Protein backbone atom coordinates (compact mmCIF):
# COMPACT_ATOMS: atom_id res chain seq x y z
CA MET A 1 -18.72 64.42 11.70
CA PHE A 2 -22.05 66.21 11.95
CA ILE A 3 -25.23 66.71 9.94
CA PHE A 4 -27.46 69.68 9.18
CA ASP A 5 -30.35 70.54 6.84
CA LEU A 6 -32.08 67.25 7.58
CA GLU A 7 -35.31 66.86 5.58
CA LEU A 8 -37.96 64.18 6.07
CA THR A 9 -40.76 63.70 3.54
CA ASN A 10 -43.57 61.18 4.07
CA PHE A 11 -41.43 59.30 6.57
CA ARG A 12 -43.40 57.70 9.40
CA ASN A 13 -45.59 60.51 10.81
CA TYR A 14 -43.62 63.30 9.10
CA ALA A 15 -45.38 64.76 6.04
CA ARG A 16 -42.58 67.22 5.36
CA SER A 17 -40.20 68.63 7.92
CA SER A 18 -36.86 70.41 7.78
CA VAL A 19 -34.54 70.27 10.79
CA PRO A 20 -31.62 72.75 10.99
CA LEU A 21 -29.42 70.68 13.32
CA HIS A 22 -26.26 72.13 14.88
CA PRO A 23 -22.82 70.80 15.76
CA GLY A 24 -22.62 69.99 19.44
CA LEU A 25 -25.62 69.04 21.56
CA ASN A 26 -29.16 69.08 20.13
CA ILE A 27 -32.27 68.25 22.15
CA VAL A 28 -35.72 67.31 20.82
CA VAL A 29 -38.59 67.53 23.31
CA GLY A 30 -42.01 65.98 22.81
CA GLU A 31 -44.73 63.79 24.23
CA ASN A 32 -44.80 60.11 23.38
CA ALA A 33 -45.92 59.10 19.86
CA GLN A 34 -45.22 62.54 18.39
CA GLY A 35 -42.15 61.66 16.30
CA LYS A 36 -39.06 61.81 18.52
CA SER A 37 -37.99 58.22 17.89
CA ASN A 38 -38.92 58.51 14.22
CA LEU A 39 -36.51 61.41 13.83
CA LEU A 40 -33.57 59.44 15.24
CA GLU A 41 -34.63 56.37 13.26
CA ALA A 42 -34.39 58.47 10.08
CA ILE A 43 -30.84 59.59 10.89
CA TYR A 44 -29.76 56.05 11.75
CA LEU A 45 -31.32 54.77 8.52
CA LEU A 46 -29.28 57.31 6.55
CA SER A 47 -26.21 55.79 8.22
CA THR A 48 -26.90 52.06 8.04
CA LEU A 49 -29.64 51.82 5.36
CA ARG A 50 -31.55 49.71 7.89
CA SER A 51 -34.36 50.73 10.19
CA SER A 52 -33.78 50.39 13.91
CA ARG A 53 -37.39 49.24 14.36
CA ALA A 54 -39.29 48.39 11.15
CA SER A 55 -39.51 44.87 9.79
CA ASN A 56 -40.12 46.06 6.21
CA ASP A 57 -39.74 49.22 4.16
CA ALA A 58 -43.48 49.80 3.78
CA ASP A 59 -43.69 50.50 7.53
CA LEU A 60 -41.49 53.57 7.01
CA VAL A 61 -43.76 55.30 4.49
CA ARG A 62 -46.39 57.65 5.93
CA ARG A 63 -49.77 55.95 5.97
CA ASP A 64 -51.51 58.77 4.10
CA VAL A 65 -49.46 58.04 0.97
CA LEU A 66 -48.94 54.30 1.38
CA GLU A 67 -51.92 53.46 -0.83
CA SER A 68 -51.03 55.98 -3.52
CA GLU A 69 -49.77 54.99 -6.96
CA PHE A 70 -46.14 55.64 -5.98
CA PRO A 71 -45.73 55.54 -2.17
CA VAL A 72 -42.30 56.89 -1.34
CA ALA A 73 -40.58 58.46 1.66
CA ARG A 74 -37.47 60.60 1.27
CA LEU A 75 -34.68 61.44 3.67
CA THR A 76 -31.97 63.95 2.79
CA THR A 77 -29.20 65.60 4.74
CA GLN A 78 -25.90 67.39 4.40
CA VAL A 79 -22.96 65.70 6.15
CA GLU A 80 -19.75 67.42 7.16
CA ARG A 81 -16.94 64.88 7.58
CA ALA A 82 -13.18 64.75 7.83
CA ALA A 83 -13.33 63.06 4.41
CA GLY A 84 -15.28 65.99 2.94
CA SER A 85 -18.84 67.25 2.59
CA LEU A 86 -21.55 64.90 1.40
CA HIS A 87 -25.17 65.32 0.32
CA LEU A 88 -27.00 62.10 1.13
CA GLU A 89 -30.47 61.08 -0.04
CA VAL A 90 -32.44 57.89 0.58
CA ALA A 91 -35.78 57.19 -1.09
CA ILE A 92 -37.86 54.40 0.45
CA VAL A 93 -40.40 52.96 -1.97
CA GLY A 94 -43.29 51.07 -0.42
CA ARG A 95 -45.54 48.52 -2.09
CA SER A 96 -46.83 50.13 -5.28
CA THR A 97 -49.95 49.60 -7.36
CA ASP A 98 -47.70 50.01 -10.41
CA SER A 99 -45.73 46.81 -11.08
CA SER A 100 -42.96 48.82 -12.74
CA HIS A 101 -42.13 50.46 -9.39
CA ARG A 102 -39.94 48.08 -7.41
CA ALA A 103 -40.19 48.33 -3.62
CA GLY A 104 -37.00 49.00 -1.67
CA LYS A 105 -34.46 51.77 -1.14
CA ARG A 106 -32.78 54.09 -3.64
CA VAL A 107 -29.66 55.93 -2.57
CA ARG A 108 -27.89 58.98 -3.99
CA MET A 109 -24.65 60.58 -2.81
CA ASN A 110 -23.93 64.05 -4.15
CA SER A 111 -26.78 63.43 -6.64
CA ILE A 112 -25.18 60.24 -8.01
CA ALA A 113 -27.04 56.92 -7.65
CA LYS A 114 -25.15 54.40 -5.52
CA ARG A 115 -25.51 50.83 -4.31
CA THR A 116 -26.49 50.43 -0.67
CA SER A 117 -23.17 48.70 0.03
CA GLU A 118 -21.36 51.86 -1.14
CA THR A 119 -23.45 54.11 1.10
CA VAL A 120 -23.52 52.37 4.48
CA GLY A 121 -21.25 54.20 6.90
CA GLN A 122 -20.72 57.33 4.79
CA LEU A 123 -22.62 58.92 7.65
CA ALA A 124 -21.59 57.05 10.80
CA ALA A 125 -23.99 56.99 13.76
CA VAL A 126 -24.53 55.29 17.10
CA LEU A 127 -28.10 54.95 18.36
CA PHE A 128 -28.91 54.50 22.07
CA THR A 129 -32.49 53.44 22.92
CA THR A 130 -34.31 52.18 25.98
CA LEU A 131 -34.51 48.78 24.21
CA ASP A 132 -30.72 48.39 24.25
CA ILE A 133 -31.05 46.36 27.43
CA ASP A 134 -32.21 43.53 25.16
CA ILE A 135 -28.69 43.35 23.71
CA VAL A 136 -27.66 42.11 27.15
CA ALA A 137 -30.70 40.05 28.15
CA GLY A 138 -32.38 39.26 24.83
CA PRO A 139 -31.86 36.59 22.14
CA PRO A 140 -28.58 36.07 20.21
CA LEU A 141 -30.10 37.67 17.10
CA LEU A 142 -29.93 41.10 18.77
CA ARG A 143 -26.27 40.69 19.71
CA ARG A 144 -25.40 39.63 16.17
CA ARG A 145 -27.32 42.64 14.85
CA PHE A 146 -25.36 44.95 17.18
CA LEU A 147 -22.07 43.74 15.71
CA ASP A 148 -23.29 43.63 12.11
CA LEU A 149 -24.52 47.23 12.09
CA MET A 150 -21.40 48.47 13.87
CA ILE A 151 -18.87 46.68 11.65
CA SER A 152 -20.75 47.45 8.41
CA GLN A 153 -20.25 51.17 8.98
CA ILE A 154 -16.48 50.82 8.67
CA ASP A 155 -16.00 47.70 6.52
CA ARG A 156 -17.90 47.41 3.23
CA GLY A 157 -16.24 44.06 2.59
CA TYR A 158 -17.98 42.77 5.69
CA LEU A 159 -21.34 44.01 4.44
CA ARG A 160 -20.82 42.32 1.07
CA ALA A 161 -19.78 39.10 2.83
CA MET A 162 -22.96 39.16 4.92
CA GLN A 163 -25.10 39.66 1.83
CA ARG A 164 -23.32 36.83 0.03
CA TYR A 165 -23.53 34.58 3.10
CA ALA A 166 -27.30 35.07 3.36
CA ARG A 167 -27.81 34.11 -0.30
CA VAL A 168 -25.57 31.04 -0.09
CA LEU A 169 -27.11 29.94 3.20
CA GLN A 170 -30.54 29.96 1.59
CA GLN A 171 -29.26 27.87 -1.34
CA ARG A 172 -27.47 25.41 0.94
CA ASN A 173 -30.48 24.93 3.21
CA SER A 174 -32.66 24.26 0.17
CA LEU A 175 -30.15 21.68 -1.07
CA LEU A 176 -29.94 20.01 2.36
CA LYS A 177 -33.70 19.48 2.24
CA GLN A 178 -33.41 18.03 -1.28
CA VAL A 179 -30.68 15.63 -0.16
CA ARG A 180 -32.81 14.58 2.80
CA GLU A 181 -35.68 13.81 0.43
CA ARG A 182 -33.23 12.00 -1.90
CA GLU A 183 -33.84 14.51 -4.67
CA ALA A 184 -30.14 15.48 -4.81
CA SER A 185 -26.73 14.00 -3.98
CA ALA A 186 -24.81 14.84 -0.82
CA ASN A 187 -21.79 15.51 -3.05
CA ASP A 188 -23.64 18.54 -4.43
CA LEU A 189 -23.07 20.17 -1.04
CA ASN A 190 -19.30 20.44 -1.55
CA PHE A 191 -19.51 23.57 -3.71
CA TRP A 192 -21.92 25.32 -1.34
CA ASP A 193 -19.79 24.35 1.68
CA GLN A 194 -16.85 26.16 0.11
CA GLU A 195 -18.93 29.21 -0.79
CA LEU A 196 -20.52 29.46 2.65
CA ALA A 197 -17.22 28.98 4.45
CA HIS A 198 -15.49 31.67 2.37
CA SER A 199 -18.03 34.36 3.31
CA GLY A 200 -18.36 32.93 6.80
CA GLY A 201 -14.63 33.21 7.41
CA ILE A 202 -14.72 36.94 6.65
CA ILE A 203 -17.65 37.46 9.02
CA LEU A 204 -16.22 35.38 11.87
CA LYS A 205 -12.83 37.10 11.71
CA ALA A 206 -14.36 40.58 11.66
CA ARG A 207 -16.68 39.82 14.60
CA SER A 208 -13.87 38.35 16.67
CA ASP A 209 -11.65 41.37 15.97
CA ALA A 210 -14.43 43.87 16.69
CA LEU A 211 -15.24 42.32 20.05
CA GLY A 212 -11.55 42.33 20.90
CA HIS A 213 -11.48 46.08 20.25
CA ILE A 214 -14.66 47.08 22.10
CA VAL A 215 -14.16 44.98 25.26
CA PRO A 216 -11.53 47.31 26.86
CA HIS A 217 -13.68 50.36 26.05
CA ALA A 218 -16.81 48.72 27.46
CA GLN A 219 -14.93 47.77 30.62
CA LEU A 220 -13.73 51.34 31.08
CA GLN A 221 -17.21 52.78 30.57
CA MET A 222 -18.81 50.24 32.95
CA GLU A 223 -16.36 51.21 35.66
CA ARG A 224 -17.11 54.90 35.07
CA LEU A 225 -20.87 54.36 35.22
CA SER A 226 -20.64 52.32 38.44
CA ASP A 227 -17.85 54.22 40.21
CA GLY A 228 -15.68 51.12 39.91
CA ALA A 229 -18.22 48.79 41.55
CA GLU A 230 -19.01 46.73 38.44
CA HIS A 231 -16.83 44.95 35.89
CA ILE A 232 -17.93 43.70 32.48
CA ASP A 233 -16.51 40.85 30.40
CA ILE A 234 -17.54 39.59 26.97
CA VAL A 235 -17.07 36.04 25.73
CA TYR A 236 -17.41 35.26 22.00
CA THR A 237 -19.09 31.89 21.37
CA PRO A 238 -19.00 31.24 17.61
CA ALA A 239 -21.28 28.42 16.48
CA MET A 240 -18.37 26.34 15.28
CA GLY A 241 -18.64 23.01 17.03
CA GLY A 242 -16.96 23.82 20.32
CA ALA A 243 -14.73 26.82 19.54
CA ASP A 244 -14.50 29.28 22.40
CA GLU A 245 -12.68 32.49 23.18
CA PHE A 246 -9.38 30.60 23.72
CA ASP A 247 -9.75 28.70 20.47
CA CYS A 248 -10.50 31.46 17.95
CA PRO A 249 -8.51 31.26 14.70
CA ILE A 250 -6.43 34.31 13.93
CA ASP A 251 -7.27 34.90 10.27
CA GLU A 252 -10.00 34.39 7.67
CA THR A 253 -8.27 31.35 6.14
CA GLU A 254 -8.32 29.50 9.45
CA TRP A 255 -11.95 30.41 10.10
CA THR A 256 -12.85 29.19 6.61
CA ALA A 257 -10.95 25.92 7.09
CA ARG A 258 -12.67 25.31 10.40
CA MET A 259 -16.12 25.90 8.90
CA ILE A 260 -15.43 23.44 6.08
CA LYS A 261 -14.20 20.81 8.53
CA VAL A 262 -17.13 21.20 10.92
CA MET A 263 -19.68 21.13 8.10
CA GLY A 264 -18.08 17.92 6.89
CA ASP A 265 -18.16 16.40 10.38
CA ARG A 266 -21.83 17.34 10.81
CA ARG A 267 -23.09 16.69 7.31
CA ASP A 268 -25.31 13.75 8.26
CA ARG A 269 -26.87 15.71 11.11
CA GLU A 270 -27.49 18.74 8.88
CA ILE A 271 -29.08 16.57 6.19
CA ARG A 272 -31.44 15.10 8.75
CA ALA A 273 -32.28 18.60 10.00
CA GLY A 274 -32.53 20.05 6.49
CA SER A 275 -30.70 23.10 7.82
CA THR A 276 -27.20 24.54 8.31
CA LEU A 277 -26.41 24.12 12.01
CA ILE A 278 -23.09 25.97 12.30
CA GLY A 279 -21.78 29.31 11.15
CA PRO A 280 -22.13 33.07 11.75
CA HIS A 281 -25.94 32.97 11.51
CA ARG A 282 -25.93 31.07 14.83
CA ASP A 283 -23.15 33.01 16.63
CA ASP A 284 -23.52 34.52 20.07
CA TRP A 285 -21.47 36.43 22.59
CA THR A 286 -22.26 36.57 26.28
CA ILE A 287 -21.86 39.46 28.68
CA HIS A 288 -20.77 38.93 32.26
CA VAL A 289 -21.06 41.47 35.08
CA ASN A 290 -18.83 40.82 38.09
CA GLY A 291 -18.22 37.30 36.84
CA LEU A 292 -21.88 36.29 36.37
CA GLU A 293 -23.80 35.96 33.11
CA ALA A 294 -25.64 39.27 32.82
CA GLY A 295 -28.76 38.05 31.05
CA ALA A 296 -29.54 35.58 33.83
CA PHE A 297 -28.06 37.08 36.98
CA ALA A 298 -27.51 40.84 36.63
CA SER A 299 -30.03 43.30 38.05
CA ARG A 300 -32.02 45.51 35.70
CA ALA A 301 -29.80 48.47 36.62
CA GLN A 302 -26.66 46.44 35.90
CA GLN A 303 -28.05 45.29 32.56
CA ARG A 304 -28.88 48.88 31.62
CA SER A 305 -25.36 50.01 32.57
CA ALA A 306 -23.85 47.14 30.56
CA ALA A 307 -25.92 48.12 27.52
CA LEU A 308 -24.88 51.75 27.84
CA SER A 309 -21.25 50.67 28.16
CA LEU A 310 -21.55 48.71 24.92
CA ARG A 311 -22.99 51.69 23.05
CA LEU A 312 -20.30 54.02 24.39
CA ALA A 313 -17.70 51.42 23.36
CA GLU A 314 -19.30 51.30 19.91
CA ALA A 315 -18.90 55.06 19.60
CA SER A 316 -15.22 54.74 20.53
CA TYR A 317 -14.77 51.88 18.03
CA LEU A 318 -16.23 53.91 15.16
CA ARG A 319 -14.24 57.00 16.10
CA ASN A 320 -10.95 55.07 16.18
CA ALA A 321 -11.67 53.14 12.98
CA LEU A 322 -12.86 56.13 10.95
CA GLY A 323 -10.61 58.83 12.34
CA ASP A 324 -13.81 60.88 12.64
CA ASP A 325 -16.63 61.13 15.16
CA PRO A 326 -19.91 59.30 14.57
CA VAL A 327 -23.13 61.22 15.24
CA VAL A 328 -24.42 60.13 18.66
CA LEU A 329 -28.19 59.59 19.02
CA LEU A 330 -29.88 59.09 22.41
CA ASP A 331 -33.57 58.23 22.30
CA ASP A 332 -35.21 59.09 25.65
CA VAL A 333 -32.37 57.36 27.50
CA LEU A 334 -31.22 60.02 29.98
CA SER A 335 -34.47 60.20 31.93
CA GLU A 336 -34.02 56.54 32.95
CA LEU A 337 -30.63 57.20 34.53
CA ASP A 338 -29.82 58.51 37.97
CA ALA A 339 -27.91 61.79 38.15
CA ARG A 340 -24.48 60.17 38.49
CA ARG A 341 -24.86 57.83 35.52
CA ARG A 342 -26.44 60.59 33.44
CA GLU A 343 -23.48 62.86 34.08
CA ALA A 344 -21.02 60.07 33.26
CA VAL A 345 -22.73 59.47 29.91
CA LEU A 346 -22.91 63.18 29.08
CA GLU A 347 -19.30 63.75 30.05
CA TYR A 348 -18.20 61.20 27.48
CA ILE A 349 -20.56 62.05 24.62
CA ASP A 350 -19.65 65.73 24.99
CA THR A 351 -16.32 64.76 23.40
CA PHE A 352 -18.12 63.96 20.11
CA GLN A 353 -18.84 66.55 17.43
CA GLN A 354 -22.61 66.10 17.42
CA THR A 355 -25.15 64.54 19.75
CA ILE A 356 -28.93 64.48 19.31
CA ILE A 357 -31.01 63.66 22.39
CA THR A 358 -34.76 63.18 22.67
CA THR A 359 -36.80 63.43 25.85
CA ALA A 360 -40.42 63.45 26.93
CA GLU A 361 -39.47 64.92 30.31
CA PRO A 362 -37.45 68.12 29.83
CA ASP A 363 -37.70 69.01 33.52
CA ARG A 364 -35.68 65.90 34.41
CA VAL A 365 -32.83 66.97 32.13
CA ARG A 366 -33.01 70.71 32.73
CA ASP A 367 -29.24 70.90 33.21
CA VAL A 368 -28.78 69.34 29.78
CA MET A 369 -31.27 71.69 28.13
CA THR A 370 -29.27 74.74 29.12
CA ARG A 371 -26.15 73.35 27.41
CA ALA A 372 -27.79 72.55 24.06
CA ALA A 373 -26.80 74.36 20.86
CA GLY A 374 -30.10 73.36 19.26
CA ARG A 375 -33.46 72.87 21.01
CA TYR A 376 -36.65 71.70 19.30
CA VAL A 377 -40.19 70.60 20.05
CA VAL A 378 -41.88 67.86 18.04
CA SER A 379 -45.65 67.56 17.88
CA MET A 380 -47.59 65.37 15.45
CA GLY A 381 -44.59 65.08 13.14
CA ALA A 382 -43.83 68.81 13.05
CA LEU A 383 -40.66 70.34 14.51
CA THR A 384 -40.42 73.88 15.86
CA PRO A 385 -37.81 75.70 17.96
CA PHE A 386 -38.11 75.18 21.71
CA GLU A 387 -38.87 78.56 23.27
CA GLY A 388 -38.83 77.60 26.97
CA GLU A 389 -36.12 78.18 29.52
């Protein structure tokens, strides 16, 4: 899988730019705050329909047009895939002065309007950033997000289950507060318990399976990056009242049954809290390096290697699940690596059909520059061919 004819209009700091990307290795050079990360964010958004950085859609629309009557950013590209060619377009509508213009995203595939759930993963991508270390050392939310974005690209049922789960969770939490205030009966929770557990079972099963698939790949990559000196393990800790990696149900029905049972056992506690205390929205999974919990005990270098191993494992997971290569995106990552780790990463990603790398320090990756099929310079949201050696 690879993309070309990428066009960005009023996206972040890009007024209008066309990028003729190539199969193979592409490198984008530029100083900080010129648009390198924005470019990769745009590609990843075309894949997942979610920004890798923004908290709301309005942040993605160029500031010069944000206060206009119809503030909209557009991303379009042509995708070549094993499943066939695809023209993909995403329009991001910011807050509008016209009440008839609803904020949000509009998606078209081959000029036909589609739901977001139908579009996610049509272009598959893996994004490496310098912030990936937070997957290892940061809060559980970031680890859940890692899995959600990865699985959603191959399983639209999972994406629909997440959307349903979020809606039901909101309804159930509201009802728990009403029961606490004696404005509703505890028996009213039975229906919402069933609904939440049904969607939750799908999510829990998919997460457990996905981690089972990526662990061997992450272990292999960690050993490659460290010359065999470091070993990584991952332990899934679902928020299910004591379930651990040796106690994971094997199918959705068992996960659903467990959720219903635990919610019943903890009903009084949840009513007092006015909140749902168990389920996928509170999941976590921990990463261990050489037997020690990485977030607390691993060095910064070990955490970075663990994060890289997870991203490389994600690329393998998508490739195996799709039967096609995802587009690999590296945002200013190589300059942080020593020569040995950089070569190990490049050796693996060279096996993918298309890789796009950004850097603010081309001299540090001179060996990579010479191998690139496409080389560009970005300055103030404008891309031009790189003419240097």
